[in-house]
Amino acid sequence: MIAAHGQLRVYVATRPVDFKGMDGLALAVQEMMGLDPFCGSVFVFRAKRADRIKVLIWDGTGMVLVHKRLEGGGFVWPQVQDGVMRMSPAQFSALFEGIDWRLVRPEATRRPELAG
């Protein structure tokens, strides 16, 4: 399971991709997104059909690929365009559950200066 903590960086490919295996998606992270697939960030890809999602993450010991298909519905996606989009961990959790992630507005919290 991917723990969606506050430090997690989530990147979404805004253009649909052919559903490749983990090696092909890792290459897409490097070439299409210009990012390092082994940095521990979450990379989200969609197929042309909006009911399928692939999530790629390096967990420190190996590459993890999650493939999910929604039954009886579709994922809510950003507008199709070239590029990559950042998403908060809370928005990623909503997207993964099939909820409209655009409705999630995580509040920024201020880091305490002193303990106690």
PDB file of N, CA and C in Angstrom:
ATOM      1  N   MET A   1       0.847  -1.184   0.000  1.00  0.00           N
ATOM      2  CA  MET A   1       0.000   0.000   0.000  1.00  0.00           C
ATOM      3  C   MET A   1       0.889   1.242   0.000  1.00  0.00           C
ATOM      4  N   ILE A   2       0.458   2.259  -0.667  1.00  0.00           N
ATOM      5  CA  ILE A   2       1.190   3.518  -0.730  1.00  0.00           C
ATOM      6  C   ILE A   2       0.655   4.426   0.362  1.00  0.00           C
ATOM      7  N   ALA A   3       1.497   4.746   1.318  1.00  0.00           N
ATOM      8  CA  ALA A   3       1.090   5.634   2.413  1.00  0.00           C
ATOM      9  C   ALA A   3       1.165   7.073   1.933  1.00  0.00           C
ATOM     10  N   ALA A   4       0.021   7.723   1.852  1.00  0.00           N
ATOM     11  CA  ALA A   4      -0.045   9.103   1.343  1.00  0.00           C
ATOM     12  C   ALA A   4       0.220  10.079   2.487  1.00  0.00           C
ATOM     13  N   HIS A   5       1.481  10.254   2.847  1.00  0.00           N
ATOM     14  CA  HIS A   5       1.868  11.168   3.914  1.00  0.00           C
ATOM     15  C   HIS A   5       2.165  12.552   3.347  1.00  0.00           C
ATOM     16  N   GLY A   6       2.283  13.525   4.195  1.00  0.00           N
ATOM     17  CA  GLY A   6       2.454  14.909   3.782  1.00  0.00           C
ATOM     18  C   GLY A   6       3.702  15.194   2.972  1.00  0.00           C
ATOM     19  N   GLN A   7       4.726  14.362   3.083  1.00  0.00           N
ATOM     20  CA  GLN A   7       5.981  14.591   2.359  1.00  0.00           C
ATOM     21  C   GLN A   7       6.002  13.911   0.987  1.00  0.00           C
ATOM     22  N   LEU A   8       4.997  13.105   0.704  1.00  0.00           N
ATOM     23  CA  LEU A   8       4.960  12.357  -0.544  1.00  0.00           C
ATOM     24  C   LEU A   8       4.733  13.292  -1.727  1.00  0.00           C
ATOM     25  N   ARG A   9       5.549  13.146  -2.754  1.00  0.00           N
ATOM     26  CA  ARG A   9       5.376  13.926  -3.989  1.00  0.00           C
ATOM     27  C   ARG A   9       4.674  13.046  -5.013  1.00  0.00           C
ATOM     28  N   VAL A  10       3.630  13.591  -5.610  1.00  0.00           N
ATOM     29  CA  VAL A  10       2.828  12.845  -6.581  1.00  0.00           C
ATOM     30  C   VAL A  10       2.838  13.619  -7.897  1.00  0.00           C
ATOM     31  N   TYR A  11       3.195  12.944  -8.970  1.00  0.00           N
ATOM     32  CA  TYR A  11       3.223  13.537 -10.300  1.00  0.00           C
ATOM     33  C   TYR A  11       2.260  12.771 -11.202  1.00  0.00           C
ATOM     34  N   VAL A  12       1.469  13.500 -11.964  1.00  0.00           N
ATOM     35  CA  VAL A  12       0.475  12.899 -12.855  1.00  0.00           C
ATOM     36  C   VAL A  12       0.823  13.238 -14.298  1.00  0.00           C
ATOM     37  N   ALA A  13       0.935  12.218 -15.136  1.00  0.00           N
ATOM     38  CA  ALA A  13       1.107  12.443 -16.568  1.00  0.00           C
ATOM     39  C   ALA A  13      -0.250  12.884 -17.109  1.00  0.00           C
ATOM     40  N   THR A  14      -0.310  14.074 -17.673  1.00  0.00           N
ATOM     41  CA  THR A  14      -1.596  14.631 -18.090  1.00  0.00           C
ATOM     42  C   THR A  14      -2.071  14.111 -19.444  1.00  0.00           C
ATOM     43  N   ARG A  15      -1.213  13.444 -20.175  1.00  0.00           N
ATOM     44  CA  ARG A  15      -1.620  12.845 -21.449  1.00  0.00           C
ATOM     45  C   ARG A  15      -1.692  11.330 -21.255  1.00  0.00           C
ATOM     46  N   PRO A  16      -2.757  10.702 -21.771  1.00  0.00           N
ATOM     47  CA  PRO A  16      -2.853   9.234 -21.656  1.00  0.00           C
ATOM     48  C   PRO A  16      -1.658   8.546 -22.313  1.00  0.00           C
ATOM     49  N   VAL A  17      -1.263   7.413 -21.748  1.00  0.00           N
ATOM     50  CA  VAL A  17      -0.158   6.624 -22.303  1.00  0.00           C
ATOM     51  C   VAL A  17      -0.651   5.211 -22.590  1.00  0.00           C
ATOM     52  N   ASP A  18       0.013   4.548 -23.534  1.00  0.00           N
ATOM     53  CA  ASP A  18      -0.252   3.134 -23.734  1.00  0.00           C
ATOM     54  C   ASP A  18       0.148   2.437 -22.446  1.00  0.00           C
ATOM     55  N   PHE A  19      -0.629   1.475 -22.022  1.00  0.00           N
ATOM     56  CA  PHE A  19      -0.315   0.841 -20.752  1.00  0.00           C
ATOM     57  C   PHE A  19       0.839  -0.125 -20.911  1.00  0.00           C
ATOM     58  N   LYS A  20       2.005   0.357 -20.539  1.00  0.00           N
ATOM     59  CA  LYS A  20       3.248  -0.377 -20.619  1.00  0.00           C
ATOM     60  C   LYS A  20       3.490  -1.054 -19.277  1.00  0.00           C
ATOM     61  N   GLY A  21       4.543  -1.840 -19.223  1.00  0.00           N
ATOM     62  CA  GLY A  21       4.978  -2.434 -17.965  1.00  0.00           C
ATOM     63  C   GLY A  21       5.783  -1.419 -17.169  1.00  0.00           C
ATOM     64  N   MET A  22       6.322  -1.858 -16.043  1.00  0.00           N
ATOM     65  CA  MET A  22       7.024  -0.915 -15.166  1.00  0.00           C
ATOM     66  C   MET A  22       8.273  -0.335 -15.810  1.00  0.00           C
ATOM     67  N   ASP A  23       8.970  -1.111 -16.634  1.00  0.00           N
ATOM     68  CA  ASP A  23      10.161  -0.571 -17.292  1.00  0.00           C
ATOM     69  C   ASP A  23       9.790   0.530 -18.283  1.00  0.00           C
ATOM     70  N   GLY A  24       8.742   0.301 -19.064  1.00  0.00           N
ATOM     71  CA  GLY A  24       8.289   1.309 -20.011  1.00  0.00           C
ATOM     72  C   GLY A  24       7.785   2.568 -19.326  1.00  0.00           C
ATOM     73  N   LEU A  25       7.101   2.407 -18.206  1.00  0.00           N
ATOM     74  CA  LEU A  25       6.613   3.577 -17.469  1.00  0.00           C
ATOM     75  C   LEU A  25       7.768   4.325 -16.796  1.00  0.00           C
ATOM     76  N   ALA A  26       8.754   3.590 -16.285  1.00  0.00           N
ATOM     77  CA  ALA A  26       9.928   4.249 -15.701  1.00  0.00           C
ATOM     78  C   ALA A  26      10.659   5.066 -16.762  1.00  0.00           C
ATOM     79  N   LEU A  27      10.737   4.532 -17.963  1.00  0.00           N
ATOM     80  CA  LEU A  27      11.346   5.269 -19.070  1.00  0.00           C
ATOM     81  C   LEU A  27      10.505   6.502 -19.420  1.00  0.00           C
ATOM     82  N   ALA A  28       9.184   6.375 -19.366  1.00  0.00           N
ATOM     83  CA  ALA A  28       8.301   7.513 -19.619  1.00  0.00           C
ATOM     84  C   ALA A  28       8.492   8.600 -18.564  1.00  0.00           C
ATOM     85  N   VAL A  29       8.734   8.203 -17.309  1.00  0.00           N
ATOM     86  CA  VAL A  29       9.014   9.188 -16.256  1.00  0.00           C
ATOM     87  C   VAL A  29      10.261   9.988 -16.620  1.00  0.00           C
ATOM     88  N   GLN A  30      11.301   9.302 -17.079  1.00  0.00           N
ATOM     89  CA  GLN A  30      12.549   9.983 -17.448  1.00  0.00           C
ATOM     90  C   GLN A  30      12.380  10.850 -18.684  1.00  0.00           C
ATOM     91  N   GLU A  31      11.785  10.297 -19.729  1.00  0.00           N
ATOM     92  CA  GLU A  31      11.745  10.999 -21.009  1.00  0.00           C
ATOM     93  C   GLU A  31      10.606  12.006 -21.122  1.00  0.00           C
ATOM     94  N   MET A  32       9.409  11.643 -20.690  1.00  0.00           N
ATOM     95  CA  MET A  32       8.254  12.527 -20.833  1.00  0.00           C
ATOM     96  C   MET A  32       8.162  13.565 -19.717  1.00  0.00           C
ATOM     97  N   MET A  33       8.498  13.126 -18.502  1.00  0.00           N
ATOM     98  CA  MET A  33       8.355  14.014 -17.350  1.00  0.00           C
ATOM     99  C   MET A  33       9.660  14.698 -16.974  1.00  0.00           C
ATOM    100  N   GLY A  34      10.778  14.140 -17.419  1.00  0.00           N
ATOM    101  CA  GLY A  34      12.077  14.699 -17.053  1.00  0.00           C
ATOM    102  C   GLY A  34      12.404  14.510 -15.584  1.00  0.00           C
ATOM    103  N   LEU A  35      11.916  13.414 -14.996  1.00  0.00           N
ATOM    104  CA  LEU A  35      12.103  13.160 -13.570  1.00  0.00           C
ATOM    105  C   LEU A  35      12.796  11.822 -13.359  1.00  0.00           C
ATOM    106  N   ASP A  36      13.252  11.584 -12.141  1.00  0.00           N
ATOM    107  CA  ASP A  36      13.945  10.358 -11.770  1.00  0.00           C
ATOM    108  C   ASP A  36      12.932   9.352 -11.217  1.00  0.00           C
ATOM    109  N   PRO A  37      12.709   8.218 -11.886  1.00  0.00           N
ATOM    110  CA  PRO A  37      11.724   7.256 -11.396  1.00  0.00           C
ATOM    111  C   PRO A  37      12.135   6.556 -10.101  1.00  0.00           C
ATOM    112  N   PHE A  38      13.388   6.712  -9.693  1.00  0.00           N
ATOM    113  CA  PHE A  38      13.893   6.055  -8.490  1.00  0.00           C
ATOM    114  C   PHE A  38      14.011   7.007  -7.298  1.00  0.00           C
ATOM    115  N   CYS A  39      13.312   8.135  -7.346  1.00  0.00           N
ATOM    116  CA  CYS A  39      13.421   9.146  -6.287  1.00  0.00           C
ATOM    117  C   CYS A  39      12.443   8.927  -5.136  1.00  0.00           C
ATOM    118  N   GLY A  40      11.529   7.970  -5.258  1.00  0.00           N
ATOM    119  CA  GLY A  40      10.562   7.716  -4.191  1.00  0.00           C
ATOM    120  C   GLY A  40       9.246   8.456  -4.362  1.00  0.00           C
ATOM    121  N   SER A  41       9.126   9.236  -5.415  1.00  0.00           N
ATOM    122  CA  SER A  41       7.866   9.917  -5.701  1.00  0.00           C
ATOM    123  C   SER A  41       6.892   8.935  -6.351  1.00  0.00           C
ATOM    124  N   VAL A  42       5.628   9.304  -6.330  1.00  0.00           N
ATOM    125  CA  VAL A  42       4.585   8.510  -6.975  1.00  0.00           C
ATOM    126  C   VAL A  42       4.329   9.096  -8.357  1.00  0.00           C
ATOM    127  N   PHE A  43       4.262   8.236  -9.365  1.00  0.00           N
ATOM    128  CA  PHE A  43       3.991   8.657 -10.726  1.00  0.00           C
ATOM    129  C   PHE A  43       2.706   7.985 -11.181  1.00  0.00           C
ATOM    130  N   VAL A  44       1.751   8.804 -11.620  1.00  0.00           N
ATOM    131  CA  VAL A  44       0.424   8.319 -11.963  1.00  0.00           C
ATOM    132  C   VAL A  44       0.220   8.442 -13.471  1.00  0.00           C
ATOM    133  N   PHE A  45      -0.281   7.370 -14.070  1.00  0.00           N
ATOM    134  CA  PHE A  45      -0.550   7.330 -15.500  1.00  0.00           C
ATOM    135  C   PHE A  45      -1.978   6.869 -15.734  1.00  0.00           C
ATOM    136  N   ARG A  46      -2.562   7.321 -16.837  1.00  0.00           N
ATOM    137  CA  ARG A  46      -3.898   6.889 -17.213  1.00  0.00           C
ATOM    138  C   ARG A  46      -3.869   6.305 -18.611  1.00  0.00           C
ATOM    139  N   ALA A  47      -4.827   5.450 -18.880  1.00  0.00           N
ATOM    140  CA  ALA A  47      -5.027   4.943 -20.230  1.00  0.00           C
ATOM    141  C   ALA A  47      -6.001   5.869 -20.941  1.00  0.00           C
ATOM    142  N   LYS A  48      -6.238   5.614 -22.201  1.00  0.00           N
ATOM    143  CA  LYS A  48      -7.212   6.423 -22.924  1.00  0.00           C
ATOM    144  C   LYS A  48      -8.597   6.259 -22.319  1.00  0.00           C
ATOM    145  N   ARG A  49      -8.882   5.076 -21.820  1.00  0.00           N
ATOM    146  CA  ARG A  49     -10.141   4.857 -21.110  1.00  0.00           C
ATOM    147  C   ARG A  49      -9.962   5.390 -19.685  1.00  0.00           C
ATOM    148  N   ALA A  50     -10.861   6.216 -19.252  1.00  0.00           N
ATOM    149  CA  ALA A  50     -10.704   6.889 -17.961  1.00  0.00           C
ATOM    150  C   ALA A  50     -10.966   5.977 -16.764  1.00  0.00           C
ATOM    151  N   ASP A  51     -11.206   4.699 -16.986  1.00  0.00           N
ATOM    152  CA  ASP A  51     -11.492   3.790 -15.873  1.00  0.00           C
ATOM    153  C   ASP A  51     -10.273   3.022 -15.398  1.00  0.00           C
ATOM    154  N   ARG A  52      -9.103   3.327 -15.952  1.00  0.00           N
ATOM    155  CA  ARG A  52      -7.886   2.583 -15.601  1.00  0.00           C
ATOM    156  C   ARG A  52      -6.757   3.539 -15.217  1.00  0.00           C
ATOM    157  N   ILE A  53      -5.981   3.091 -14.231  1.00  0.00           N
ATOM    158  CA  ILE A  53      -4.892   3.894 -13.714  1.00  0.00           C
ATOM    159  C   ILE A  53      -3.714   2.962 -13.417  1.00  0.00           C
ATOM    160  N   LYS A  54      -2.507   3.472 -13.626  1.00  0.00           N
ATOM    161  CA  LYS A  54      -1.296   2.773 -13.192  1.00  0.00           C
ATOM    162  C   LYS A  54      -0.485   3.736 -12.348  1.00  0.00           C
ATOM    163  N   VAL A  55       0.038   3.222 -11.259  1.00  0.00           N
ATOM    164  CA  VAL A  55       0.825   4.006 -10.303  1.00  0.00           C
ATOM    165  C   VAL A  55       2.184   3.331 -10.176  1.00  0.00           C
ATOM    166  N   LEU A  56       3.244   4.115 -10.323  1.00  0.00           N
ATOM    167  CA  LEU A  56       4.609   3.608 -10.266  1.00  0.00           C
ATOM    168  C   LEU A  56       5.335   4.297  -9.129  1.00  0.00           C
ATOM    169  N   ILE A  57       6.030   3.504  -8.295  1.00  0.00           N
ATOM    170  CA  ILE A  57       6.814   4.080  -7.187  1.00  0.00           C
ATOM    171  C   ILE A  57       7.996   3.157  -6.873  1.00  0.00           C
ATOM    172  N   TRP A  58       9.112   3.768  -6.579  1.00  0.00           N
ATOM    173  CA  TRP A  58      10.303   3.062  -6.093  1.00  0.00           C
ATOM    174  C   TRP A  58      10.225   3.098  -4.573  1.00  0.00           C
ATOM    175  N   ASP A  59      10.206   1.933  -3.921  1.00  0.00           N
ATOM    176  CA  ASP A  59      10.054   1.899  -2.465  1.00  0.00           C
ATOM    177  C   ASP A  59      11.372   1.745  -1.717  1.00  0.00           C
ATOM    178  N   GLY A  60      12.487   1.844  -2.437  1.00  0.00           N
ATOM    179  CA  GLY A  60      13.797   1.718  -1.803  1.00  0.00           C
ATOM    180  C   GLY A  60      14.398   0.341  -1.987  1.00  0.00           C
ATOM    181  N   THR A  61      13.560  -0.659  -2.268  1.00  0.00           N
ATOM    182  CA  THR A  61      14.057  -2.012  -2.499  1.00  0.00           C
ATOM    183  C   THR A  61      13.703  -2.526  -3.881  1.00  0.00           C
ATOM    184  N   GLY A  62      12.757  -1.874  -4.523  1.00  0.00           N
ATOM    185  CA  GLY A  62      12.339  -2.294  -5.856  1.00  0.00           C
ATOM    186  C   GLY A  62      11.242  -1.395  -6.396  1.00  0.00           C
ATOM    187  N   MET A  63      10.966  -1.565  -7.661  1.00  0.00           N
ATOM    188  CA  MET A  63       9.920  -0.791  -8.318  1.00  0.00           C
ATOM    189  C   MET A  63       8.577  -1.470  -8.068  1.00  0.00           C
ATOM    190  N   VAL A  64       7.572  -0.663  -7.723  1.00  0.00           N
ATOM    191  CA  VAL A  64       6.222  -1.163  -7.456  1.00  0.00           C
ATOM    192  C   VAL A  64       5.297  -0.592  -8.522  1.00  0.00           C
ATOM    193  N   LEU A  65       4.473  -1.446  -9.098  1.00  0.00           N
ATOM    194  CA  LEU A  65       3.495  -1.022 -10.096  1.00  0.00           C
ATOM    195  C   LEU A  65       2.118  -1.469  -9.631  1.00  0.00           C
ATOM    196  N   VAL A  66       1.217  -0.510  -9.506  1.00  0.00           N
ATOM    197  CA  VAL A  66      -0.161  -0.790  -9.112  1.00  0.00           C
ATOM    198  C   VAL A  66      -1.045  -0.469 -10.308  1.00  0.00           C
ATOM    199  N   HIS A  67      -1.921  -1.404 -10.659  1.00  0.00           N
ATOM    200  CA  HIS A  67      -2.854  -1.210 -11.764  1.00  0.00           C
ATOM    201  C   HIS A  67      -4.257  -1.348 -11.181  1.00  0.00           C
ATOM    202  N   LYS A  68      -5.085  -0.326 -11.371  1.00  0.00           N
ATOM    203  CA  LYS A  68      -6.435  -0.365 -10.830  1.00  0.00           C
ATOM    204  C   LYS A  68      -7.425  -0.029 -11.933  1.00  0.00           C
ATOM    205  N   ARG A  69      -8.520  -0.782 -11.949  1.00  0.00           N
ATOM    206  CA  ARG A  69      -9.614  -0.523 -12.869  1.00  0.00           C
ATOM    207  C   ARG A  69     -10.868  -0.311 -12.027  1.00  0.00           C
ATOM    208  N   LEU A  70     -11.528   0.814 -12.228  1.00  0.00           N
ATOM    209  CA  LEU A  70     -12.774   1.080 -11.521  1.00  0.00           C
ATOM    210  C   LEU A  70     -13.909   0.329 -12.203  1.00  0.00           C
ATOM    211  N   GLU A  71     -14.746  -0.267 -11.418  1.00  0.00           N
ATOM    212  CA  GLU A  71     -15.920  -0.957 -11.945  1.00  0.00           C
ATOM    213  C   GLU A  71     -17.103  -0.007 -11.873  1.00  0.00           C
ATOM    214  N   GLY A  72     -17.748   0.209 -12.995  1.00  0.00           N
ATOM    215  CA  GLY A  72     -18.955   1.026 -13.021  1.00  0.00           C
ATOM    216  C   GLY A  72     -18.709   2.517 -12.884  1.00  0.00           C
ATOM    217  N   GLY A  73     -17.567   2.998 -13.318  1.00  0.00           N
ATOM    218  CA  GLY A  73     -17.289   4.426 -13.230  1.00  0.00           C
ATOM    219  C   GLY A  73     -15.942   4.741 -13.838  1.00  0.00           C
ATOM    220  N   GLY A  74     -15.519   5.965 -13.648  1.00  0.00           N
ATOM    221  CA  GLY A  74     -14.236   6.375 -14.188  1.00  0.00           C
ATOM    222  C   GLY A  74     -13.530   7.320 -13.237  1.00  0.00           C
ATOM    223  N   PHE A  75     -12.235   7.414 -13.393  1.00  0.00           N
ATOM    224  CA  PHE A  75     -11.445   8.353 -12.617  1.00  0.00           C
ATOM    225  C   PHE A  75     -11.660   9.766 -13.153  1.00  0.00           C
ATOM    226  N   VAL A  76     -11.549  10.756 -12.289  1.00  0.00           N
ATOM    227  CA  VAL A  76     -11.626  12.154 -12.702  1.00  0.00           C
ATOM    228  C   VAL A  76     -10.203  12.587 -13.019  1.00  0.00           C
ATOM    229  N   TRP A  77      -9.992  13.082 -14.254  1.00  0.00           N
ATOM    230  CA  TRP A  77      -8.656  13.430 -14.710  1.00  0.00           C
ATOM    231  C   TRP A  77      -8.553  14.910 -15.012  1.00  0.00           C
ATOM    232  N   PRO A  78      -7.333  15.432 -14.908  1.00  0.00           N
ATOM    233  CA  PRO A  78      -7.124  16.815 -15.366  1.00  0.00           C
ATOM    234  C   PRO A  78      -7.286  16.871 -16.881  1.00  0.00           C
ATOM    235  N   GLN A  79      -7.376  18.081 -17.393  1.00  0.00           N
ATOM    236  CA  GLN A  79      -7.505  18.273 -18.840  1.00  0.00           C
ATOM    237  C   GLN A  79      -6.313  17.642 -19.546  1.00  0.00           C
ATOM    238  N   VAL A  80      -6.578  16.946 -20.644  1.00  0.00           N
ATOM    239  CA  VAL A  80      -5.516  16.294 -21.403  1.00  0.00           C
ATOM    240  C   VAL A  80      -4.668  17.359 -22.095  1.00  0.00           C
ATOM    241  N   GLN A  81      -3.387  17.328 -21.818  1.00  0.00           N
ATOM    242  CA  GLN A  81      -2.419  18.241 -22.418  1.00  0.00           C
ATOM    243  C   GLN A  81      -1.048  17.625 -22.250  1.00  0.00           C
ATOM    244  N   ASP A  82      -0.052  18.193 -22.903  1.00  0.00           N
ATOM    245  CA  ASP A  82       1.306  17.703 -22.711  1.00  0.00           C
ATOM    246  C   ASP A  82       1.819  18.199 -21.371  1.00  0.00           C
ATOM    247  N   GLY A  83       2.556  17.356 -20.692  1.00  0.00           N
ATOM    248  CA  GLY A  83       3.180  17.803 -19.460  1.00  0.00           C
ATOM    249  C   GLY A  83       2.890  16.908 -18.271  1.00  0.00           C
ATOM    250  N   VAL A  84       3.224  17.457 -17.126  1.00  0.00           N
ATOM    251  CA  VAL A  84       3.074  16.747 -15.868  1.00  0.00           C
ATOM    252  C   VAL A  84       2.446  17.696 -14.856  1.00  0.00           C
ATOM    253  N   MET A  85       1.681  17.155 -13.940  1.00  0.00           N
ATOM    254  CA  MET A  85       0.993  17.947 -12.939  1.00  0.00           C
ATOM    255  C   MET A  85       1.330  17.405 -11.553  1.00  0.00           C
ATOM    256  N   ARG A  86       1.507  18.303 -10.588  1.00  0.00           N
ATOM    257  CA  ARG A  86       1.707  17.885  -9.189  1.00  0.00           C
ATOM    258  C   ARG A  86       0.346  17.725  -8.537  1.00  0.00           C
ATOM    259  N   MET A  87       0.268  16.810  -7.593  1.00  0.00           N
ATOM    260  CA  MET A  87      -0.961  16.536  -6.863  1.00  0.00           C
ATOM    261  C   MET A  87      -0.581  16.309  -5.405  1.00  0.00           C
ATOM    262  N   SER A  88      -1.399  16.783  -4.489  1.00  0.00           N
ATOM    263  CA  SER A  88      -1.113  16.569  -3.069  1.00  0.00           C
ATOM    264  C   SER A  88      -1.399  15.111  -2.705  1.00  0.00           C
ATOM    265  N   PRO A  89      -0.818  14.622  -1.609  1.00  0.00           N
ATOM    266  CA  PRO A  89      -1.116  13.252  -1.174  1.00  0.00           C
ATOM    267  C   PRO A  89      -2.612  13.025  -0.927  1.00  0.00           C
ATOM    268  N   ALA A  90      -3.305  14.006  -0.384  1.00  0.00           N
ATOM    269  CA  ALA A  90      -4.743  13.868  -0.143  1.00  0.00           C
ATOM    270  C   ALA A  90      -5.508  13.769  -1.463  1.00  0.00           C
ATOM    271  N   GLN A  91      -5.106  14.567  -2.449  1.00  0.00           N
ATOM    272  CA  GLN A  91      -5.748  14.495  -3.757  1.00  0.00           C
ATOM    273  C   GLN A  91      -5.475  13.143  -4.424  1.00  0.00           C
ATOM    274  N   PHE A  92      -4.254  12.632  -4.267  1.00  0.00           N
ATOM    275  CA  PHE A  92      -3.920  11.322  -4.820  1.00  0.00           C
ATOM    276  C   PHE A  92      -4.790  10.236  -4.188  1.00  0.00           C
ATOM    277  N   SER A  93      -4.974  10.292  -2.881  1.00  0.00           N
ATOM    278  CA  SER A  93      -5.818   9.305  -2.205  1.00  0.00           C
ATOM    279  C   SER A  93      -7.243   9.335  -2.754  1.00  0.00           C
ATOM    280  N   ALA A  94      -7.761  10.546  -2.963  1.00  0.00           N
ATOM    281  CA  ALA A  94      -9.109  10.686  -3.517  1.00  0.00           C
ATOM    282  C   ALA A  94      -9.164  10.129  -4.938  1.00  0.00           C
ATOM    283  N   LEU A  95      -8.175  10.475  -5.766  1.00  0.00           N
ATOM    284  CA  LEU A  95      -8.127   9.968  -7.136  1.00  0.00           C
ATOM    285  C   LEU A  95      -8.117   8.449  -7.144  1.00  0.00           C
ATOM    286  N   PHE A  96      -7.284   7.853  -6.311  1.00  0.00           N
ATOM    287  CA  PHE A  96      -7.135   6.402  -6.268  1.00  0.00           C
ATOM    288  C   PHE A  96      -8.436   5.715  -5.859  1.00  0.00           C
ATOM    289  N   GLU A  97      -9.224   6.387  -5.021  1.00  0.00           N
ATOM    290  CA  GLU A  97     -10.506   5.833  -4.583  1.00  0.00           C
ATOM    291  C   GLU A  97     -11.638   6.108  -5.563  1.00  0.00           C
ATOM    292  N   GLY A  98     -11.348   6.856  -6.632  1.00  0.00           N
ATOM    293  CA  GLY A  98     -12.374   7.167  -7.605  1.00  0.00           C
ATOM    294  C   GLY A  98     -13.212   8.371  -7.240  1.00  0.00           C
ATOM    295  N   ILE A  99     -12.739   9.166  -6.282  1.00  0.00           N
ATOM    296  CA  ILE A  99     -13.432  10.371  -5.833  1.00  0.00           C
ATOM    297  C   ILE A  99     -12.897  11.557  -6.630  1.00  0.00           C
ATOM    298  N   ASP A 100     -13.711  12.573  -6.814  1.00  0.00           N
ATOM    299  CA  ASP A 100     -13.278  13.766  -7.535  1.00  0.00           C
ATOM    300  C   ASP A 100     -12.218  14.486  -6.705  1.00  0.00           C
ATOM    301  N   TRP A 101     -10.966  14.318  -7.069  1.00  0.00           N
ATOM    302  CA  TRP A 101      -9.836  14.858  -6.310  1.00  0.00           C
ATOM    303  C   TRP A 101      -9.819  16.380  -6.320  1.00  0.00           C
ATOM    304  N   ARG A 102     -10.508  17.007  -7.296  1.00  0.00           N
ATOM    305  CA  ARG A 102     -10.507  18.468  -7.384  1.00  0.00           C
ATOM    306  C   ARG A 102     -11.250  19.106  -6.217  1.00  0.00           C
ATOM    307  N   LEU A 103     -12.068  18.312  -5.532  1.00  0.00           N
ATOM    308  CA  LEU A 103     -12.812  18.826  -4.382  1.00  0.00           C
ATOM    309  C   LEU A 103     -11.981  18.819  -3.103  1.00  0.00           C
ATOM    310  N   VAL A 104     -10.835  18.149  -3.134  1.00  0.00           N
ATOM    311  CA  VAL A 104      -9.971  18.033  -1.960  1.00  0.00           C
ATOM    312  C   VAL A 104      -9.051  19.238  -1.901  1.00  0.00           C
ATOM    313  N   ARG A 105      -9.155  19.997  -0.852  1.00  0.00           N
ATOM    314  CA  ARG A 105      -8.310  21.182  -0.648  1.00  0.00           C
ATOM    315  C   ARG A 105      -7.559  21.018   0.674  1.00  0.00           C
ATOM    316  N   PRO A 106      -6.451  20.295   0.638  1.00  0.00           N
ATOM    317  CA  PRO A 106      -5.712  20.103   1.889  1.00  0.00           C
ATOM    318  C   PRO A 106      -5.172  21.427   2.409  1.00  0.00           C
ATOM    319  N   GLU A 107      -5.325  21.619   3.694  1.00  0.00           N
ATOM    320  CA  GLU A 107      -4.829  22.843   4.303  1.00  0.00           C
ATOM    321  C   GLU A 107      -3.339  22.713   4.564  1.00  0.00           C
ATOM    322  N   ALA A 108      -2.636  23.777   4.273  1.00  0.00           N
ATOM    323  CA  ALA A 108      -1.204  23.797   4.587  1.00  0.00           C
ATOM    324  C   ALA A 108      -1.049  24.009   6.082  1.00  0.00           C
ATOM    325  N   THR A 109      -0.187  23.245   6.690  1.00  0.00           N
ATOM    326  CA  THR A 109       0.048  23.408   8.116  1.00  0.00           C
ATOM    327  C   THR A 109       1.402  24.059   8.334  1.00  0.00           C
ATOM    328  N   ARG A 110       1.456  24.858   9.366  1.00  0.00           N
ATOM    329  CA  ARG A 110       2.693  25.563   9.687  1.00  0.00           C
ATOM    330  C   ARG A 110       3.516  24.687  10.609  1.00  0.00           C
ATOM    331  N   ARG A 111       4.783  24.572  10.318  1.00  0.00           N
ATOM    332  CA  ARG A 111       5.699  23.794  11.142  1.00  0.00           C
ATOM    333  C   ARG A 111       5.933  24.539  12.447  1.00  0.00           C
ATOM    334  N   PRO A 112       5.767  23.867  13.608  1.00  0.00           N
ATOM    335  CA  PRO A 112       6.009  24.533  14.895  1.00  0.00           C
ATOM    336  C   PRO A 112       7.475  24.936  15.036  1.00  0.00           C
ATOM    337  N   GLU A 113       7.697  26.043  15.696  1.00  0.00           N
ATOM    338  CA  GLU A 113       9.059  26.498  15.920  1.00  0.00           C
ATOM    339  C   GLU A 113       9.653  25.889  17.195  1.00  0.00           C
ATOM    340  N   LEU A 114       8.783  25.616  18.169  1.00  0.00           N
ATOM    341  CA  LEU A 114       9.227  25.049  19.447  1.00  0.00           C
ATOM    342  C   LEU A 114       8.351  23.870  19.811  1.00  0.00           C
ATOM    343  N   ALA A 115       8.942  22.905  20.494  1.00  0.00           N
ATOM    344  CA  ALA A 115       8.161  21.785  21.008  1.00  0.00           C
ATOM    345  C   ALA A 115       7.576  22.169  22.372  1.00  0.00           C
ATOM    346  N   GLY A 116       6.373  21.687  22.621  1.00  0.00           N
ATOM    347  CA  GLY A 116       5.776  21.893  23.952  1.00  0.00           C
ATOM    348  C   GLY A 116       4.910  23.021  24.118  1.00  0.00           C
TER     349      GLY A 116
END
